[in-house]
Amino acid sequence: MNYMQTKVKRGIRFGEDGDALMMLIFINVMVFVIITFIKIVYQLTPINMELFQSQILDWIGMPADMSRFISRPWVLLTHMIAHASVWSLLGNMLFLWAFGFLLQDLIGNKHIIPVYIYGALAGVVFFVASANLLPGFRANIGSFQLFGAGASVMAVAIATTVTAPDYRVFPMINGGIPLWVITLIYVVIDLAGLASVAFPYHLSHLAGAGMGFWYIRLIRNGNSPGEWMHRLYNWFINLFNPSKPTSKKSIKKEVFYNTKGQQPFTRKPNVSEQRVDAILDKISRTGYQSLSEEEKDILKKAAENEE
C-alpha cells in the first residue's frame, strides 16, 4: 500500500466536520427537490409545461449551443448539481457516496470537491465539442442540454480507483472484490450509451474519467490542482466573518496603542528669548528662590538648548 493509500484525513475543508462528500450529496438533493417543487406548481396551474423547460430548466442546464451559453454563463456551475430525473439523481448519488467515501478516506476530504468540479468541466468541454463538431448531432444541437453529476461522479470513481485499485469491497464474497473490477463494470455500463443518440452525454462521462485519472497523477507528482479553489472559498467566507482580524486593526494597535517602554507625556514649556530675559531680571531683583516651578523649567530648558 503506497503513501497515497495510507494518508489520513485532513482538516475541515468545504464541509461540516470535514465531510465534503455529504455536503455535495445534500446540495444535489436539495436542488432536485426545489426543481421538482417548481415543476409541481407548473403542473397544478394552467401554465403550459413547455414553459417549465424554457423558464426553468433552460436557465440551469448546460446547452450545447454556445450562443445560448453566452447569455447564461452560470449554467457552467449549476448544471453539475441539477438533475432532470429522480433515477438520474439516485444513480449518481449512490455511486458518488460509494466512491467518494473511499476517496476521502484514502487521500483526505480536501480533494473531493476539486475532483467533482474538474470532472464536470471536462465533461462540458467534450459534450459541447461533440455536439458541435460531429455532423450527426450538429443538426439538432438545440436539443442537447447537459444536466447532472454524471461526469463528476465518473471523475471521482476513476480517481478513487487509481489511488487504490486493489482495495477490496464486499469482503464477505471470497475475501472481497478488487475496486478496479467494480469500477470497470460501472464504466462499461455507462459507456455503452456511446452507441446511441446520447453519445455527447456519455462522452462527457468519459472526459470526467480522464480528468479523475489526471488529477491523481498531478497530486502524486507533488502538485495541488485544487488548492486555488480552497483559497477562493476561504477568501469568500472570510468576507462575511467579522471575527477574523484584519491588517488595519493590528496596525492601529501597534502604532497608536502600544506605549510599552515609552515615558508618559509631559508638557514642555515654550522657550523664547524674551521670556528667558524676563526671568533673569526677576532673579536679579528677588533672587532664584522667588521663581515658580515653570520658570525654573524654562531656565533649565534654555540651558540645555545652549549646550
Protein backbone atom coordinates (compact mmCIF):
# COMPACT_ATOMS: atom_id res chain seq x y z
CA MET A 1 0.00 0.00 0.00
CA ASN A 2 1.55 3.32 -1.09
CA TYR A 3 1.65 6.69 0.63
CA MET A 4 -1.49 7.92 -1.13
CA GLN A 5 -3.45 4.96 0.22
CA THR A 6 -2.34 5.34 3.83
CA LYS A 7 -2.74 9.11 4.15
CA VAL A 8 -5.12 10.10 6.94
CA LYS A 9 -7.95 12.60 6.69
CA ARG A 10 -7.10 16.30 6.63
CA GLY A 11 -8.75 19.16 8.49
CA ILE A 12 -12.09 20.76 7.78
CA ARG A 13 -12.34 21.77 4.13
CA PHE A 14 -15.59 22.51 2.27
CA GLY A 15 -17.94 20.79 4.67
CA GLU A 16 -19.21 20.47 8.21
CA ASP A 17 -16.83 18.28 10.22
CA GLY A 18 -14.72 17.85 7.12
CA ASP A 19 -17.42 15.82 5.34
CA ALA A 20 -17.34 17.45 1.92
CA LEU A 21 -18.96 14.38 0.38
CA MET A 22 -22.16 14.65 2.39
CA MET A 23 -22.34 18.35 1.64
CA LEU A 24 -22.16 17.59 -2.09
CA ILE A 25 -24.90 14.99 -1.84
CA PHE A 26 -27.06 17.34 0.23
CA ILE A 27 -26.69 20.14 -2.34
CA ASN A 28 -27.63 17.83 -5.22
CA VAL A 29 -30.68 16.51 -3.38
CA MET A 30 -31.88 19.96 -2.31
CA VAL A 31 -31.57 21.37 -5.83
CA PHE A 32 -33.57 18.44 -7.18
CA VAL A 33 -36.26 18.96 -4.51
CA ILE A 34 -36.54 22.64 -5.45
CA ILE A 35 -36.77 21.86 -9.17
CA THR A 36 -39.40 19.18 -8.50
CA PHE A 37 -41.46 21.54 -6.34
CA ILE A 38 -41.44 24.18 -9.08
CA LYS A 39 -42.45 21.54 -11.63
CA ILE A 40 -45.40 20.51 -9.44
CA VAL A 41 -46.51 24.14 -9.26
CA TYR A 42 -46.46 24.32 -13.07
CA GLN A 43 -48.47 21.09 -13.30
CA LEU A 44 -51.14 22.34 -10.88
CA THR A 45 -51.69 25.56 -12.78
CA PRO A 46 -52.95 26.21 -16.31
CA ILE A 47 -49.38 27.07 -17.37
CA ASN A 48 -48.14 25.14 -20.40
CA MET A 49 -45.48 22.63 -19.29
CA GLU A 50 -43.30 23.72 -22.19
CA LEU A 51 -42.76 26.92 -20.26
CA PHE A 52 -41.20 24.90 -17.44
CA GLN A 53 -38.45 23.93 -19.85
CA SER A 54 -37.90 27.44 -21.22
CA GLN A 55 -38.36 29.35 -17.95
CA ILE A 56 -36.63 26.97 -15.51
CA LEU A 57 -34.57 24.14 -16.99
CA ASP A 58 -33.03 26.22 -19.77
CA TRP A 59 -31.57 28.55 -17.12
CA ILE A 60 -29.77 25.85 -15.11
CA GLY A 61 -28.77 23.24 -17.70
CA MET A 62 -25.67 23.41 -19.90
CA PRO A 63 -26.67 23.90 -23.56
CA ALA A 64 -24.56 22.57 -26.41
CA ASP A 65 -25.39 25.71 -28.38
CA MET A 66 -22.70 28.24 -27.41
CA SER A 67 -24.85 31.23 -28.38
CA ARG A 68 -27.29 30.25 -25.62
CA PHE A 69 -24.49 29.57 -23.16
CA ILE A 70 -23.03 33.07 -23.56
CA SER A 71 -26.29 34.62 -22.35
CA ARG A 72 -26.31 32.45 -19.18
CA PRO A 73 -22.72 31.54 -18.24
CA TRP A 74 -23.64 30.47 -14.69
CA VAL A 75 -25.00 27.19 -16.10
CA LEU A 76 -21.36 26.05 -16.24
CA LEU A 77 -21.71 25.51 -12.49
CA THR A 78 -25.44 24.93 -11.99
CA HIS A 79 -25.70 22.04 -14.44
CA MET A 80 -23.43 19.83 -12.31
CA ILE A 81 -25.78 19.92 -9.31
CA ALA A 82 -29.11 19.85 -11.18
CA HIS A 83 -30.76 16.56 -12.16
CA ALA A 84 -33.72 16.31 -14.52
CA SER A 85 -34.98 12.91 -13.25
CA VAL A 86 -35.14 11.09 -9.95
CA TRP A 87 -33.42 7.99 -11.36
CA SER A 88 -30.50 10.05 -12.59
CA LEU A 89 -30.21 11.62 -9.14
CA LEU A 90 -30.39 8.30 -7.26
CA GLY A 91 -27.84 6.60 -9.50
CA ASN A 92 -25.35 9.43 -9.38
CA MET A 93 -25.66 9.99 -5.64
CA LEU A 94 -25.31 6.26 -4.90
CA PHE A 95 -22.05 5.97 -6.84
CA LEU A 96 -20.84 9.36 -5.58
CA TRP A 97 -21.33 8.19 -1.99
CA ALA A 98 -19.67 4.79 -2.59
CA PHE A 99 -16.58 6.06 -4.40
CA GLY A 100 -16.41 9.42 -2.65
CA PHE A 101 -16.39 7.82 0.79
CA LEU A 102 -13.34 5.77 -0.17
CA LEU A 103 -11.59 8.74 -1.81
CA GLN A 104 -11.99 10.91 1.29
CA ASP A 105 -10.74 8.07 3.47
CA LEU A 106 -7.69 7.49 1.28
CA ILE A 107 -6.42 10.98 0.42
CA GLY A 108 -8.40 13.37 2.63
CA ASN A 109 -11.57 15.38 2.23
CA LYS A 110 -9.98 18.42 0.58
CA HIS A 111 -9.79 16.70 -2.82
CA ILE A 112 -13.37 15.52 -3.29
CA ILE A 113 -14.86 18.83 -4.46
CA PRO A 114 -11.98 19.78 -6.80
CA VAL A 115 -12.24 16.35 -8.46
CA TYR A 116 -16.01 16.81 -8.72
CA ILE A 117 -15.73 20.26 -10.32
CA TYR A 118 -12.85 19.41 -12.65
CA GLY A 119 -14.71 16.32 -13.84
CA ALA A 120 -17.81 18.34 -14.63
CA LEU A 121 -15.84 21.00 -16.52
CA ALA A 122 -14.03 18.37 -18.60
CA GLY A 123 -17.40 16.82 -19.36
CA VAL A 124 -18.72 20.16 -20.58
CA VAL A 125 -15.80 20.60 -22.98
CA PHE A 126 -16.32 17.19 -24.61
CA PHE A 127 -20.11 17.48 -24.58
CA VAL A 128 -20.10 20.83 -26.38
CA ALA A 129 -17.32 19.81 -28.77
CA SER A 130 -19.01 16.57 -29.84
CA ALA A 131 -22.42 18.18 -30.31
CA ASN A 132 -20.95 20.99 -32.41
CA LEU A 133 -18.33 19.12 -34.44
CA LEU A 134 -19.96 15.78 -35.23
CA PRO A 135 -22.32 16.10 -38.24
CA GLY A 136 -24.80 13.59 -36.84
CA PHE A 137 -25.52 15.81 -33.82
CA ARG A 138 -24.85 19.31 -35.12
CA ALA A 139 -28.19 19.45 -36.96
CA ASN A 140 -30.09 19.03 -33.66
CA ILE A 141 -27.73 20.99 -31.44
CA GLY A 142 -30.57 22.98 -29.89
CA SER A 143 -31.99 19.83 -28.29
CA PHE A 144 -28.82 18.92 -26.40
CA GLN A 145 -28.68 20.10 -22.80
CA LEU A 146 -26.42 18.65 -20.10
CA PHE A 147 -27.75 18.01 -16.59
CA GLY A 148 -26.45 16.15 -13.58
CA ALA A 149 -23.29 14.92 -11.93
CA GLY A 150 -22.51 12.09 -14.34
CA ALA A 151 -19.09 13.38 -15.42
CA SER A 152 -18.25 14.42 -11.86
CA VAL A 153 -19.13 11.03 -10.41
CA MET A 154 -17.08 9.31 -13.09
CA ALA A 155 -14.11 11.52 -12.19
CA VAL A 156 -14.47 10.59 -8.51
CA ALA A 157 -14.77 6.89 -9.38
CA ILE A 158 -11.62 6.85 -11.51
CA ALA A 159 -9.68 8.99 -9.01
CA THR A 160 -10.55 6.52 -6.25
CA THR A 161 -9.63 3.51 -8.35
CA VAL A 162 -6.30 4.96 -9.48
CA THR A 163 -5.49 5.75 -5.84
CA ALA A 164 -6.19 2.22 -4.57
CA PRO A 165 -7.01 -0.22 -7.40
CA ASP A 166 -6.57 -3.30 -5.20
CA TYR A 167 -8.78 -2.03 -2.39
CA ARG A 168 -11.32 -4.77 -1.71
CA VAL A 169 -15.03 -4.23 -1.22
CA PHE A 170 -17.68 -6.76 -0.11
CA PRO A 171 -15.15 -8.81 1.93
CA MET A 172 -17.80 -11.44 2.65
CA ILE A 173 -17.57 -12.54 -1.01
CA ASN A 174 -14.43 -14.72 -1.25
CA GLY A 175 -12.29 -12.20 0.59
CA GLY A 176 -13.56 -9.17 -1.30
CA ILE A 177 -13.78 -7.83 -4.86
CA PRO A 178 -10.98 -5.52 -6.07
CA LEU A 179 -12.13 -1.97 -6.55
CA TRP A 180 -10.89 -1.87 -10.15
CA VAL A 181 -13.34 -4.64 -11.07
CA ILE A 182 -16.31 -2.68 -9.70
CA THR A 183 -15.14 0.45 -11.50
CA LEU A 184 -14.64 -1.41 -14.77
CA ILE A 185 -18.21 -2.71 -14.67
CA TYR A 186 -19.52 0.78 -13.86
CA VAL A 187 -17.56 2.38 -16.72
CA VAL A 188 -18.52 -0.27 -19.28
CA ILE A 189 -22.24 0.03 -18.46
CA ASP A 190 -22.08 3.82 -18.67
CA LEU A 191 -20.07 3.99 -21.89
CA ALA A 192 -22.40 1.52 -23.60
CA GLY A 193 -24.50 4.62 -24.20
CA LEU A 194 -21.93 5.87 -26.70
CA ALA A 195 -23.68 3.76 -29.33
CA SER A 196 -26.85 5.85 -29.16
CA VAL A 197 -28.21 9.33 -29.77
CA ALA A 198 -26.97 10.14 -26.24
CA PHE A 199 -23.36 9.96 -27.46
CA PRO A 200 -22.41 13.54 -26.34
CA TYR A 201 -23.69 12.86 -22.82
CA HIS A 202 -21.74 9.64 -22.36
CA LEU A 203 -18.67 11.16 -23.99
CA SER A 204 -18.79 13.81 -21.27
CA HIS A 205 -18.64 11.00 -18.70
CA LEU A 206 -15.56 9.60 -20.44
CA ALA A 207 -13.96 13.04 -20.20
CA GLY A 208 -14.74 13.08 -16.49
CA ALA A 209 -12.98 9.72 -16.14
CA GLY A 210 -9.88 11.13 -17.82
CA MET A 211 -9.94 14.13 -15.51
CA GLY A 212 -10.08 11.90 -12.42
CA PHE A 213 -7.02 9.99 -13.64
CA TRP A 214 -5.16 13.24 -14.43
CA TYR A 215 -5.95 14.73 -11.00
CA ILE A 216 -4.45 11.83 -9.08
CA ARG A 217 -1.36 11.84 -11.30
CA LEU A 218 -0.85 15.52 -10.53
CA ILE A 219 -1.06 15.19 -6.76
CA ARG A 220 1.27 12.17 -6.84
CA ASN A 221 3.79 14.40 -8.59
CA GLY A 222 3.56 16.90 -5.74
CA ASN A 223 1.10 19.34 -7.35
CA SER A 224 -2.10 20.65 -5.79
CA PRO A 225 -4.58 21.40 -8.61
CA GLY A 226 -7.42 22.08 -6.20
CA GLU A 227 -5.63 24.49 -3.86
CA TRP A 228 -6.82 27.62 -5.67
CA MET A 229 -10.43 26.53 -5.09
CA HIS A 230 -9.84 26.32 -1.34
CA ARG A 231 -8.16 29.72 -1.28
CA LEU A 232 -11.04 31.26 -3.22
CA TYR A 233 -13.56 29.60 -0.90
CA ASN A 234 -11.75 30.75 2.27
CA TRP A 235 -11.41 34.29 0.91
CA PHE A 236 -15.13 34.44 0.14
CA ILE A 237 -16.13 33.03 3.54
CA ASN A 238 -13.83 35.44 5.38
CA LEU A 239 -15.59 38.38 3.73
CA PHE A 240 -18.57 37.57 5.96
CA ASN A 241 -16.57 36.68 9.07
CA PRO A 242 -16.47 39.75 11.40
CA SER A 243 -14.35 37.91 13.97
CA LYS A 244 -11.44 37.50 11.57
CA PRO A 245 -8.69 40.04 12.44
CA THR A 246 -7.76 42.47 9.70
CA SER A 247 -4.48 44.17 8.94
CA LYS A 248 -5.94 47.60 9.78
CA LYS A 249 -6.74 46.60 13.33
CA SER A 250 -3.30 45.15 14.02
CA ILE A 251 -1.54 48.21 12.60
CA LYS A 252 -3.69 50.57 14.63
CA LYS A 253 -2.95 48.65 17.79
CA GLU A 254 0.77 48.61 17.16
CA VAL A 255 1.18 52.24 16.12
CA PHE A 256 -1.26 54.09 18.31
CA TYR A 257 -1.83 51.97 21.38
CA ASN A 258 1.43 50.18 22.02
CA THR A 259 3.16 52.53 24.52
CA LYS A 260 5.37 49.93 26.13
CA GLY A 261 8.77 51.41 27.06
CA GLN A 262 7.67 54.99 26.42
CA GLN A 263 7.69 57.78 29.05
CA PRO A 264 4.35 59.42 29.97
CA PHE A 265 3.58 62.64 28.14
CA THR A 266 4.77 65.77 29.93
CA ARG A 267 4.01 69.32 28.90
CA LYS A 268 7.14 71.18 27.90
CA PRO A 269 7.04 74.97 28.11
CA ASN A 270 7.70 77.07 25.05
CA VAL A 271 11.06 78.89 25.44
CA SER A 272 11.62 82.31 23.91
CA GLU A 273 14.47 84.75 24.33
CA GLN A 274 12.19 87.44 25.78
CA ARG A 275 10.80 85.02 28.33
CA VAL A 276 14.29 83.99 29.47
CA ASP A 277 15.37 87.66 29.80
CA ALA A 278 12.32 88.42 31.97
CA ILE A 279 13.14 85.51 34.29
CA LEU A 280 16.77 86.64 34.61
CA ASP A 281 15.61 90.14 35.54
CA LYS A 282 13.36 88.65 38.20
CA ILE A 283 16.28 86.69 39.66
CA SER A 284 18.37 89.85 39.82
CA ARG A 285 15.59 91.62 41.70
CA THR A 286 14.19 88.98 44.06
CA GLY A 287 16.56 86.02 43.85
CA TYR A 288 16.30 82.46 42.38
CA GLN A 289 14.12 81.24 45.22
CA SER A 290 11.33 83.53 44.11
CA LEU A 291 10.92 81.65 40.73
CA SER A 292 7.97 79.36 40.12
CA GLU A 293 8.46 75.73 39.00
CA GLU A 294 7.50 76.66 35.43
CA GLU A 295 10.08 79.47 35.35
CA LYS A 296 12.76 77.13 36.67
CA ASP A 297 11.88 74.61 33.92
CA ILE A 298 12.19 77.32 31.29
CA LEU A 299 15.67 78.23 32.53
CA LYS A 300 16.68 74.60 32.58
CA LYS A 301 15.46 74.06 29.01
CA ALA A 302 17.21 77.21 27.83
CA ALA A 303 20.46 75.99 29.35
CA GLU A 304 20.08 72.63 27.57
CA ASN A 305 19.50 74.38 24.25
CA GLU A 306 22.65 76.43 24.77
CA GLU A 307 24.64 73.20 25.16
